Amino acid sequence: SEHLNPDKINTAINSLSKLKVRADVQLEEEVGRNWNEIVSKEYTFNRFEKEIKALSNISVEEVVEYYHKLLPASDTCRKISVQIIGAKEESKTEESQERLLELNLLKDKGNSITDIDGFKSKLNAHPIIYITD
């Protein structure tokens, strides 16, 4: 929360706006950007202009409010923790045997998902929305 001060937020908004205003230096940049619009089926060829307009209308309070929802102290914050334990790669010889690896599930105090299918069935699925205006 101490990192969300108004000066830093305004600097970030202004820097992002300047990036959007920058003209394409090479034809490849413009072609790539427009081709992405076609591939994504959104066809918003003036996306940078719309983003600049949206950035000019955003307030510091809106940014702070949005990020507070994402911070760990928020009620709407979710996280997943994964621990991967690696080992040195063994040389591959004809005599090497397959090793049986064991996966241990570490359960958190009642917050662990044990029934994945049940959890997935309770999630709200949203359709893909194509931005066209």
C-alpha atoms as a PDB file:
ATOM      1  CA  SER A   1       0.000   0.000   0.000  1.00  0.00           C
ATOM      2  CA  GLU A   2       2.938   2.356   0.690  1.00  0.00           C
ATOM      3  CA  HIS A   3       4.015   1.856  -2.936  1.00  0.00           C
ATOM      4  CA  LEU A   4       0.713   3.248  -4.220  1.00  0.00           C
ATOM      5  CA  ASN A   5       1.470   6.916  -3.773  1.00  0.00           C
ATOM      6  CA  PRO A   6      -0.141   9.472  -6.128  1.00  0.00           C
ATOM      7  CA  ASP A   7       3.135  10.690  -7.644  1.00  0.00           C
ATOM      8  CA  LYS A   8       4.225   7.203  -8.685  1.00  0.00           C
ATOM      9  CA  ILE A   9       0.786   6.409 -10.084  1.00  0.00           C
ATOM     10  CA  ASN A  10       0.648   9.625 -12.117  1.00  0.00           C
ATOM     11  CA  THR A  11       4.163   8.950 -13.427  1.00  0.00           C
ATOM     12  CA  ALA A  12       3.142   5.439 -14.475  1.00  0.00           C
ATOM     13  CA  ILE A  13      -0.015   6.706 -16.218  1.00  0.00           C
ATOM     14  CA  ASN A  14       1.920   9.426 -18.062  1.00  0.00           C
ATOM     15  CA  SER A  15       4.677   7.003 -19.083  1.00  0.00           C
ATOM     16  CA  LEU A  16       2.144   4.529 -20.425  1.00  0.00           C
ATOM     17  CA  SER A  17       0.371   7.296 -22.365  1.00  0.00           C
ATOM     18  CA  LYS A  18       3.677   8.374 -23.926  1.00  0.00           C
ATOM     19  CA  LEU A  19       4.331   4.806 -25.042  1.00  0.00           C
ATOM     20  CA  LYS A  20       0.936   4.701 -26.744  1.00  0.00           C
ATOM     21  CA  VAL A  21       1.489   8.042 -28.517  1.00  0.00           C
ATOM     22  CA  ARG A  22       4.803   6.942 -30.016  1.00  0.00           C
ATOM     23  CA  ALA A  23       4.629   6.549 -33.782  1.00  0.00           C
ATOM     24  CA  ASP A  24       5.589   3.276 -35.410  1.00  0.00           C
ATOM     25  CA  VAL A  25       9.228   3.433 -36.472  1.00  0.00           C
ATOM     26  CA  GLN A  26       9.057   0.471 -38.822  1.00  0.00           C
ATOM     27  CA  LEU A  27       6.272  -0.738 -41.036  1.00  0.00           C
ATOM     28  CA  GLU A  28       6.612  -4.143 -39.347  1.00  0.00           C
ATOM     29  CA  GLU A  29       5.326  -2.661 -36.047  1.00  0.00           C
ATOM     30  CA  GLU A  30       2.192  -1.260 -37.658  1.00  0.00           C
ATOM     31  CA  VAL A  31       1.526  -4.404 -39.674  1.00  0.00           C
ATOM     32  CA  GLY A  32       2.010  -6.603 -36.593  1.00  0.00           C
ATOM     33  CA  ARG A  33      -0.322  -4.492 -34.470  1.00  0.00           C
ATOM     34  CA  ASN A  34      -3.032  -4.457 -37.145  1.00  0.00           C
ATOM     35  CA  TRP A  35      -2.604  -8.158 -37.869  1.00  0.00           C
ATOM     36  CA  ASN A  36      -3.117  -8.911 -34.166  1.00  0.00           C
ATOM     37  CA  GLU A  37      -6.437  -7.057 -34.366  1.00  0.00           C
ATOM     38  CA  ILE A  38      -7.495  -9.264 -37.256  1.00  0.00           C
ATOM     39  CA  VAL A  39      -6.331 -12.507 -35.624  1.00  0.00           C
ATOM     40  CA  SER A  40      -8.053 -11.648 -32.325  1.00  0.00           C
ATOM     41  CA  LYS A  41     -11.258 -10.733 -34.244  1.00  0.00           C
ATOM     42  CA  GLU A  42     -11.508  -7.441 -32.357  1.00  0.00           C
ATOM     43  CA  TYR A  43     -10.791  -5.102 -35.313  1.00  0.00           C
ATOM     44  CA  THR A  44     -10.052  -2.120 -33.066  1.00  0.00           C
ATOM     45  CA  PHE A  45      -7.437  -0.522 -35.277  1.00  0.00           C
ATOM     46  CA  ASN A  46      -7.475   2.693 -33.235  1.00  0.00           C
ATOM     47  CA  ARG A  47      -6.831   0.859 -29.954  1.00  0.00           C
ATOM     48  CA  PHE A  48      -3.952   3.147 -28.938  1.00  0.00           C
ATOM     49  CA  GLU A  49      -6.124   6.259 -29.286  1.00  0.00           C
ATOM     50  CA  LYS A  50      -8.842   4.649 -27.164  1.00  0.00           C
ATOM     51  CA  GLU A  51      -6.326   3.552 -24.537  1.00  0.00           C
ATOM     52  CA  ILE A  52      -4.827   7.048 -24.365  1.00  0.00           C
ATOM     53  CA  LYS A  53      -8.297   8.502 -23.862  1.00  0.00           C
ATOM     54  CA  ALA A  54      -9.040   5.963 -21.113  1.00  0.00           C
ATOM     55  CA  LEU A  55      -5.706   6.716 -19.416  1.00  0.00           C
ATOM     56  CA  SER A  56      -6.450  10.434 -19.443  1.00  0.00           C
ATOM     57  CA  ASN A  57      -9.779   9.807 -17.708  1.00  0.00           C
ATOM     58  CA  ILE A  58      -8.494   7.491 -14.976  1.00  0.00           C
ATOM     59  CA  SER A  59      -7.980   8.884 -11.487  1.00  0.00           C
ATOM     60  CA  VAL A  60      -5.374   7.988  -8.903  1.00  0.00           C
ATOM     61  CA  GLU A  61      -8.161   6.868  -6.550  1.00  0.00           C
ATOM     62  CA  GLU A  62      -9.459   4.388  -9.138  1.00  0.00           C
ATOM     63  CA  VAL A  63      -5.993   2.874  -9.541  1.00  0.00           C
ATOM     64  CA  VAL A  64      -5.498   2.577  -5.778  1.00  0.00           C
ATOM     65  CA  GLU A  65      -8.953   1.010  -5.334  1.00  0.00           C
ATOM     66  CA  TYR A  66      -8.266  -1.515  -8.107  1.00  0.00           C
ATOM     67  CA  TYR A  67      -4.908  -2.597  -6.685  1.00  0.00           C
ATOM     68  CA  HIS A  68      -6.238  -2.865  -3.145  1.00  0.00           C
ATOM     69  CA  LYS A  69      -8.529  -5.625  -4.439  1.00  0.00           C
ATOM     70  CA  LEU A  70      -5.453  -7.517  -5.656  1.00  0.00           C
ATOM     71  CA  LEU A  71      -3.341  -7.175  -2.524  1.00  0.00           C
ATOM     72  CA  PRO A  72      -3.039 -10.182  -0.174  1.00  0.00           C
ATOM     73  CA  ALA A  73      -5.004  -8.484   2.629  1.00  0.00           C
ATOM     74  CA  SER A  74      -8.051  -8.183   0.354  1.00  0.00           C
ATOM     75  CA  ASP A  75     -11.076 -10.486   0.643  1.00  0.00           C
ATOM     76  CA  THR A  76     -11.079 -10.987  -3.138  1.00  0.00           C
ATOM     77  CA  CYS A  77      -7.424 -12.005  -3.385  1.00  0.00           C
ATOM     78  CA  ARG A  78      -6.629 -15.620  -4.271  1.00  0.00           C
ATOM     79  CA  LYS A  79      -3.261 -17.241  -4.660  1.00  0.00           C
ATOM     80  CA  ILE A  80      -1.813 -20.573  -5.538  1.00  0.00           C
ATOM     81  CA  SER A  81       1.484 -21.855  -4.216  1.00  0.00           C
ATOM     82  CA  VAL A  82       3.512 -24.467  -6.021  1.00  0.00           C
ATOM     83  CA  GLN A  83       6.848 -25.844  -4.920  1.00  0.00           C
ATOM     84  CA  ILE A  84       9.037 -27.629  -7.428  1.00  0.00           C
ATOM     85  CA  ILE A  85      12.047 -29.524  -6.181  1.00  0.00           C
ATOM     86  CA  GLY A  86      14.632 -30.075  -8.873  1.00  0.00           C
ATOM     87  CA  ALA A  87      17.625 -32.323  -9.166  1.00  0.00           C
ATOM     88  CA  LYS A  88      20.694 -32.470 -11.337  1.00  0.00           C
ATOM     89  CA  GLU A  89      20.037 -34.035 -14.696  1.00  0.00           C
ATOM     90  CA  GLU A  90      21.419 -37.517 -14.833  1.00  0.00           C
ATOM     91  CA  SER A  91      23.356 -38.672 -17.839  1.00  0.00           C
ATOM     92  CA  LYS A  92      21.222 -40.700 -20.157  1.00  0.00           C
ATOM     93  CA  THR A  93      22.606 -44.177 -20.498  1.00  0.00           C
ATOM     94  CA  GLU A  94      21.014 -47.341 -21.625  1.00  0.00           C
ATOM     95  CA  GLU A  95      21.242 -48.658 -18.101  1.00  0.00           C
ATOM     96  CA  SER A  96      19.353 -45.772 -16.520  1.00  0.00           C
ATOM     97  CA  GLN A  97      16.173 -46.851 -14.840  1.00  0.00           C
ATOM     98  CA  GLU A  98      12.938 -44.969 -14.591  1.00  0.00           C
ATOM     99  CA  ARG A  99      12.423 -43.437 -11.190  1.00  0.00           C
ATOM    100  CA  LEU A 100       9.088 -43.265  -9.500  1.00  0.00           C
ATOM    101  CA  LEU A 101       8.441 -39.706  -8.382  1.00  0.00           C
ATOM    102  CA  GLU A 102       6.064 -38.963  -5.565  1.00  0.00           C
ATOM    103  CA  LEU A 103       3.865 -35.869  -5.383  1.00  0.00           C
ATOM    104  CA  ASN A 104       2.976 -34.739  -1.895  1.00  0.00           C
ATOM    105  CA  LEU A 105      -0.027 -32.482  -1.360  1.00  0.00           C
ATOM    106  CA  LEU A 106       0.478 -30.025   1.448  1.00  0.00           C
ATOM    107  CA  LYS A 107      -2.887 -28.989   2.820  1.00  0.00           C
ATOM    108  CA  ASP A 108      -3.533 -25.538   4.207  1.00  0.00           C
ATOM    109  CA  LYS A 109      -5.874 -25.063   7.172  1.00  0.00           C
ATOM    110  CA  GLY A 110      -9.098 -25.943   5.391  1.00  0.00           C
ATOM    111  CA  ASN A 111      -8.386 -23.730   2.376  1.00  0.00           C
ATOM    112  CA  SER A 112      -7.026 -26.476   0.150  1.00  0.00           C
ATOM    113  CA  ILE A 113      -8.918 -27.708  -2.888  1.00  0.00           C
ATOM    114  CA  THR A 114      -9.247 -31.469  -2.659  1.00  0.00           C
ATOM    115  CA  ASP A 115     -12.120 -32.018  -5.103  1.00  0.00           C
ATOM    116  CA  ILE A 116     -10.905 -30.359  -8.305  1.00  0.00           C
ATOM    117  CA  ASP A 117     -13.937 -31.301 -10.410  1.00  0.00           C
ATOM    118  CA  GLY A 118     -16.303 -29.999  -7.735  1.00  0.00           C
ATOM    119  CA  PHE A 119     -14.329 -26.773  -7.453  1.00  0.00           C
ATOM    120  CA  LYS A 120     -14.349 -26.260 -11.224  1.00  0.00           C
ATOM    121  CA  SER A 121     -18.101 -26.884 -11.430  1.00  0.00           C
ATOM    122  CA  LYS A 122     -18.724 -24.037  -8.977  1.00  0.00           C
ATOM    123  CA  LEU A 123     -16.687 -21.492 -10.952  1.00  0.00           C
ATOM    124  CA  ASN A 124     -18.419 -18.917 -13.101  1.00  0.00           C
ATOM    125  CA  ALA A 125     -17.318 -19.231 -16.702  1.00  0.00           C
ATOM    126  CA  HIS A 126     -17.489 -16.129 -18.832  1.00  0.00           C
ATOM    127  CA  PRO A 127     -17.607 -16.188 -22.624  1.00  0.00           C
ATOM    128  CA  ILE A 128     -14.848 -14.577 -24.659  1.00  0.00           C
ATOM    129  CA  ILE A 129     -15.735 -10.973 -25.336  1.00  0.00           C
ATOM    130  CA  TYR A 130     -14.430  -9.380 -28.510  1.00  0.00           C
ATOM    131  CA  ILE A 131     -13.906  -5.646 -28.200  1.00  0.00           C
ATOM    132  CA  THR A 132     -15.298  -4.162 -31.381  1.00  0.00           C
ATOM    133  CA  ASP A 133     -16.018  -0.509 -30.617  1.00  0.00           C
END
